[in-house]
Amino acid sequence: MYSECLAKLRLLLMDDKVPELKDEPKPCPRMKMLLDMPQLAWCDIKKHSWSYSDKSPNIHVDLYDPTKCFRIKHTRTTDCVRGRVGYSKVSFL
């Protein structure tokens, strides 16, 4: 049973109609700029992490890594978590 499903999946994934790329795609300038930047220090990352106090009761921010948060699912609720710093300009990729 498993091998039959795997064989069908391989047939779906092998599409001869998709042409191969002639050249490697070039990254967009903004992505290249972000990838070339040096890594931030952990203290700077923590300054811009999730806020412990400004969040919904269903949201929990990890105490050891404030860049991570998770939501306890409850039906018919909307939840929000805010960052420690507000921004007026952002960069979209």
N, C-alpha and C. Protein backbone atom coordinates (compact mmCIF):
# COMPACT_ATOMS: atom_id res chain seq x y z
N MET A 1 0.83 -1.19 0.00
CA MET A 1 0.00 0.00 0.00
C MET A 1 0.87 1.26 0.00
N TYR A 2 1.88 1.27 0.90
CA TYR A 2 2.75 2.43 1.00
C TYR A 2 3.54 2.62 -0.29
N SER A 3 4.04 1.52 -0.86
CA SER A 3 4.84 1.63 -2.08
C SER A 3 3.99 2.11 -3.26
N GLU A 4 2.71 1.72 -3.30
CA GLU A 4 1.83 2.19 -4.36
C GLU A 4 1.61 3.70 -4.25
N CYS A 5 1.39 4.17 -3.03
CA CYS A 5 1.19 5.62 -2.82
C CYS A 5 2.46 6.38 -3.16
N LEU A 6 3.60 5.81 -2.81
CA LEU A 6 4.87 6.47 -3.11
C LEU A 6 5.10 6.54 -4.61
N ALA A 7 4.75 5.48 -5.32
CA ALA A 7 4.90 5.47 -6.78
C ALA A 7 4.00 6.52 -7.42
N LYS A 8 2.76 6.65 -6.94
CA LYS A 8 1.84 7.66 -7.47
C LYS A 8 2.35 9.07 -7.18
N LEU A 9 2.93 9.25 -6.00
CA LEU A 9 3.47 10.56 -5.65
C LEU A 9 4.64 10.92 -6.54
N ARG A 10 5.49 9.94 -6.84
CA ARG A 10 6.62 10.20 -7.73
C ARG A 10 6.14 10.60 -9.12
N LEU A 11 5.08 9.96 -9.60
CA LEU A 11 4.54 10.32 -10.91
C LEU A 11 4.00 11.75 -10.90
N LEU A 12 3.39 12.15 -9.80
CA LEU A 12 2.87 13.52 -9.72
C LEU A 12 3.99 14.55 -9.69
N LEU A 13 5.08 14.22 -9.00
CA LEU A 13 6.16 15.18 -8.86
C LEU A 13 7.04 15.28 -10.10
N MET A 14 7.07 14.24 -10.92
CA MET A 14 7.91 14.24 -12.11
C MET A 14 7.10 14.81 -13.27
N ASP A 15 7.26 16.07 -13.54
CA ASP A 15 6.52 16.73 -14.60
C ASP A 15 7.50 17.12 -15.69
N ASP A 16 7.37 16.52 -16.86
CA ASP A 16 8.28 16.80 -17.97
C ASP A 16 7.93 18.10 -18.68
N LYS A 17 6.79 18.69 -18.38
CA LYS A 17 6.37 19.90 -19.06
C LYS A 17 7.08 21.15 -18.54
N VAL A 18 7.66 21.07 -17.37
CA VAL A 18 8.32 22.24 -16.79
C VAL A 18 9.73 22.34 -17.36
N PRO A 19 10.05 23.42 -18.07
CA PRO A 19 11.40 23.54 -18.63
C PRO A 19 12.43 23.84 -17.54
N GLU A 20 13.64 23.40 -17.75
CA GLU A 20 14.71 23.68 -16.79
C GLU A 20 15.17 25.12 -16.97
N LEU A 21 15.70 25.68 -15.89
CA LEU A 21 16.21 27.05 -15.95
C LEU A 21 17.53 27.07 -16.71
N LYS A 22 17.67 28.05 -17.60
CA LYS A 22 18.93 28.17 -18.34
C LYS A 22 20.02 28.74 -17.46
N ASP A 23 19.68 29.77 -16.72
CA ASP A 23 20.64 30.43 -15.84
C ASP A 23 20.10 30.43 -14.42
N GLU A 24 21.01 30.54 -13.48
CA GLU A 24 20.61 30.64 -12.07
C GLU A 24 19.91 31.98 -11.87
N PRO A 25 18.75 32.01 -11.24
CA PRO A 25 18.07 33.30 -11.04
C PRO A 25 18.87 34.22 -10.12
N LYS A 26 18.89 35.49 -10.46
CA LYS A 26 19.62 36.47 -9.65
C LYS A 26 18.74 36.92 -8.49
N PRO A 27 19.32 37.06 -7.29
CA PRO A 27 18.50 37.55 -6.17
C PRO A 27 18.16 39.02 -6.36
N CYS A 28 17.03 39.43 -5.83
CA CYS A 28 16.64 40.84 -5.94
C CYS A 28 17.61 41.68 -5.11
N PRO A 29 17.77 42.97 -5.42
CA PRO A 29 18.74 43.80 -4.72
C PRO A 29 18.50 43.90 -3.21
N ARG A 30 17.25 43.95 -2.79
CA ARG A 30 16.97 44.05 -1.35
C ARG A 30 17.37 42.78 -0.63
N MET A 31 17.11 41.63 -1.23
CA MET A 31 17.49 40.37 -0.62
C MET A 31 19.01 40.26 -0.55
N LYS A 32 19.69 40.69 -1.60
CA LYS A 32 21.15 40.65 -1.61
C LYS A 32 21.71 41.55 -0.51
N MET A 33 21.10 42.72 -0.33
CA MET A 33 21.54 43.64 0.71
C MET A 33 21.38 43.00 2.09
N LEU A 34 20.23 42.34 2.34
CA LEU A 34 19.99 41.71 3.63
C LEU A 34 20.93 40.54 3.88
N LEU A 35 21.21 39.76 2.84
CA LEU A 35 22.10 38.61 3.01
C LEU A 35 23.55 39.03 3.22
N ASP A 36 23.93 40.19 2.70
CA ASP A 36 25.30 40.66 2.85
C ASP A 36 25.55 41.38 4.17
N MET A 37 24.50 41.70 4.91
CA MET A 37 24.66 42.41 6.18
C MET A 37 25.24 41.49 7.25
N PRO A 38 26.02 42.04 8.18
CA PRO A 38 26.54 41.20 9.28
C PRO A 38 25.42 40.79 10.23
N GLN A 39 25.64 39.70 10.95
CA GLN A 39 24.64 39.21 11.89
C GLN A 39 24.55 40.14 13.09
N LEU A 40 23.34 40.36 13.59
CA LEU A 40 23.12 41.22 14.75
C LEU A 40 23.53 40.52 16.04
N ALA A 41 23.89 41.31 17.02
CA ALA A 41 24.19 40.77 18.35
C ALA A 41 22.89 40.37 19.03
N TRP A 42 22.96 39.41 19.95
CA TRP A 42 21.76 38.90 20.62
C TRP A 42 21.05 39.99 21.41
N CYS A 43 21.79 40.92 22.01
CA CYS A 43 21.15 42.00 22.78
C CYS A 43 20.32 42.90 21.85
N ASP A 44 20.78 43.12 20.63
CA ASP A 44 20.00 43.92 19.67
C ASP A 44 18.77 43.16 19.20
N ILE A 45 18.90 41.86 19.02
CA ILE A 45 17.76 41.05 18.60
C ILE A 45 16.68 41.05 19.69
N LYS A 46 17.10 40.96 20.95
CA LYS A 46 16.14 40.95 22.06
C LYS A 46 15.40 42.27 22.19
N LYS A 47 16.04 43.38 21.82
CA LYS A 47 15.38 44.69 21.89
C LYS A 47 14.18 44.76 20.94
N HIS A 48 14.24 44.02 19.85
CA HIS A 48 13.19 44.06 18.83
C HIS A 48 12.33 42.80 18.83
N SER A 49 12.31 42.08 19.94
CA SER A 49 11.55 40.82 20.02
C SER A 49 10.10 41.10 20.42
N TRP A 50 9.34 40.04 20.71
CA TRP A 50 7.94 40.16 21.10
C TRP A 50 7.81 40.70 22.51
N SER A 51 6.76 41.45 22.76
CA SER A 51 6.51 42.04 24.07
C SER A 51 5.85 41.01 24.99
N TYR A 52 6.35 40.92 26.23
CA TYR A 52 5.76 40.01 27.22
C TYR A 52 4.42 40.54 27.73
N SER A 53 4.29 41.85 27.81
CA SER A 53 3.10 42.43 28.45
C SER A 53 2.00 42.80 27.46
N ASP A 54 2.35 43.19 26.24
CA ASP A 54 1.36 43.65 25.27
C ASP A 54 0.98 42.52 24.32
N LYS A 55 0.16 41.60 24.84
CA LYS A 55 -0.24 40.43 24.05
C LYS A 55 -1.58 39.92 24.55
N SER A 56 -2.22 39.09 23.78
CA SER A 56 -3.47 38.44 24.19
C SER A 56 -3.18 37.37 25.23
N PRO A 57 -4.18 37.01 26.04
CA PRO A 57 -3.96 35.96 27.04
C PRO A 57 -3.65 34.59 26.44
N ASN A 58 -4.05 34.36 25.19
CA ASN A 58 -3.79 33.07 24.55
C ASN A 58 -2.41 32.97 23.92
N ILE A 59 -1.67 34.05 23.92
CA ILE A 59 -0.32 34.08 23.34
C ILE A 59 0.70 33.95 24.46
N HIS A 60 1.68 33.11 24.25
CA HIS A 60 2.77 32.96 25.22
C HIS A 60 4.10 33.21 24.53
N VAL A 61 4.89 34.09 25.13
CA VAL A 61 6.22 34.40 24.62
C VAL A 61 7.22 33.58 25.41
N ASP A 62 8.14 32.94 24.71
CA ASP A 62 9.15 32.10 25.36
C ASP A 62 10.06 32.97 26.22
N LEU A 63 10.26 32.58 27.48
CA LEU A 63 11.08 33.36 28.40
C LEU A 63 12.55 33.35 28.02
N TYR A 64 13.03 32.25 27.46
CA TYR A 64 14.45 32.12 27.14
C TYR A 64 14.79 32.65 25.75
N ASP A 65 13.81 32.65 24.86
CA ASP A 65 14.01 33.17 23.51
C ASP A 65 12.81 34.03 23.15
N PRO A 66 12.85 35.34 23.43
CA PRO A 66 11.69 36.19 23.19
C PRO A 66 11.38 36.43 21.71
N THR A 67 12.18 35.87 20.81
CA THR A 67 11.85 35.96 19.39
C THR A 67 10.82 34.91 18.99
N LYS A 68 10.51 34.00 19.92
CA LYS A 68 9.54 32.93 19.64
C LYS A 68 8.30 33.14 20.49
N CYS A 69 7.15 32.95 19.88
CA CYS A 69 5.90 32.98 20.62
C CYS A 69 4.99 31.90 20.06
N PHE A 70 4.06 31.45 20.86
CA PHE A 70 3.10 30.46 20.40
C PHE A 70 1.73 30.78 20.94
N ARG A 71 0.74 30.24 20.27
CA ARG A 71 -0.66 30.54 20.58
C ARG A 71 -1.36 29.28 21.03
N ILE A 72 -2.11 29.39 22.11
CA ILE A 72 -2.98 28.31 22.55
C ILE A 72 -4.30 28.50 21.82
N LYS A 73 -4.69 27.50 21.05
CA LYS A 73 -5.87 27.63 20.20
C LYS A 73 -7.15 27.58 21.01
N HIS A 74 -7.96 28.59 20.83
CA HIS A 74 -9.31 28.64 21.37
C HIS A 74 -10.24 29.04 20.24
N THR A 75 -11.38 28.44 20.20
CA THR A 75 -12.31 28.76 19.11
C THR A 75 -12.91 30.15 19.32
N ARG A 76 -13.18 30.78 18.23
CA ARG A 76 -13.83 32.10 18.19
C ARG A 76 -13.08 33.17 18.96
N THR A 77 -11.78 33.16 18.85
CA THR A 77 -10.99 34.23 19.46
C THR A 77 -10.05 34.80 18.41
N THR A 78 -9.75 36.06 18.56
CA THR A 78 -8.71 36.68 17.75
C THR A 78 -7.61 37.10 18.71
N ASP A 79 -6.40 36.86 18.32
CA ASP A 79 -5.27 37.12 19.20
C ASP A 79 -4.27 38.04 18.52
N CYS A 80 -3.48 38.70 19.34
CA CYS A 80 -2.49 39.64 18.84
C CYS A 80 -1.30 39.65 19.77
N VAL A 81 -0.13 39.86 19.21
CA VAL A 81 1.07 40.09 19.99
C VAL A 81 1.83 41.22 19.30
N ARG A 82 2.38 42.11 20.09
CA ARG A 82 3.10 43.24 19.54
C ARG A 82 4.58 43.12 19.86
N GLY A 83 5.36 43.76 19.04
CA GLY A 83 6.79 43.80 19.29
C GLY A 83 7.12 44.85 20.33
N ARG A 84 8.32 44.79 20.85
CA ARG A 84 8.75 45.77 21.85
C ARG A 84 8.98 47.14 21.23
N VAL A 85 9.28 47.17 19.93
CA VAL A 85 9.58 48.41 19.23
C VAL A 85 8.57 48.57 18.10
N GLY A 86 8.04 49.78 17.92
CA GLY A 86 7.16 50.07 16.80
C GLY A 86 7.96 50.67 15.66
N TYR A 87 7.53 50.41 14.44
CA TYR A 87 8.26 50.90 13.27
C TYR A 87 7.35 51.78 12.43
N SER A 88 7.94 52.81 11.81
CA SER A 88 7.19 53.65 10.90
C SER A 88 7.53 53.33 9.45
N LYS A 89 8.69 52.71 9.21
CA LYS A 89 9.08 52.30 7.86
C LYS A 89 9.51 50.84 7.91
N VAL A 90 9.11 50.10 6.88
CA VAL A 90 9.49 48.70 6.79
C VAL A 90 10.00 48.41 5.39
N SER A 91 10.67 47.31 5.23
CA SER A 91 11.17 46.88 3.93
C SER A 91 10.54 45.54 3.60
N PHE A 92 9.83 45.49 2.48
CA PHE A 92 9.19 44.26 2.04
C PHE A 92 10.04 43.63 0.95
N LEU A 93 10.12 42.32 0.97
CA LEU A 93 10.85 41.60 -0.08
C LEU A 93 9.90 41.00 -1.06
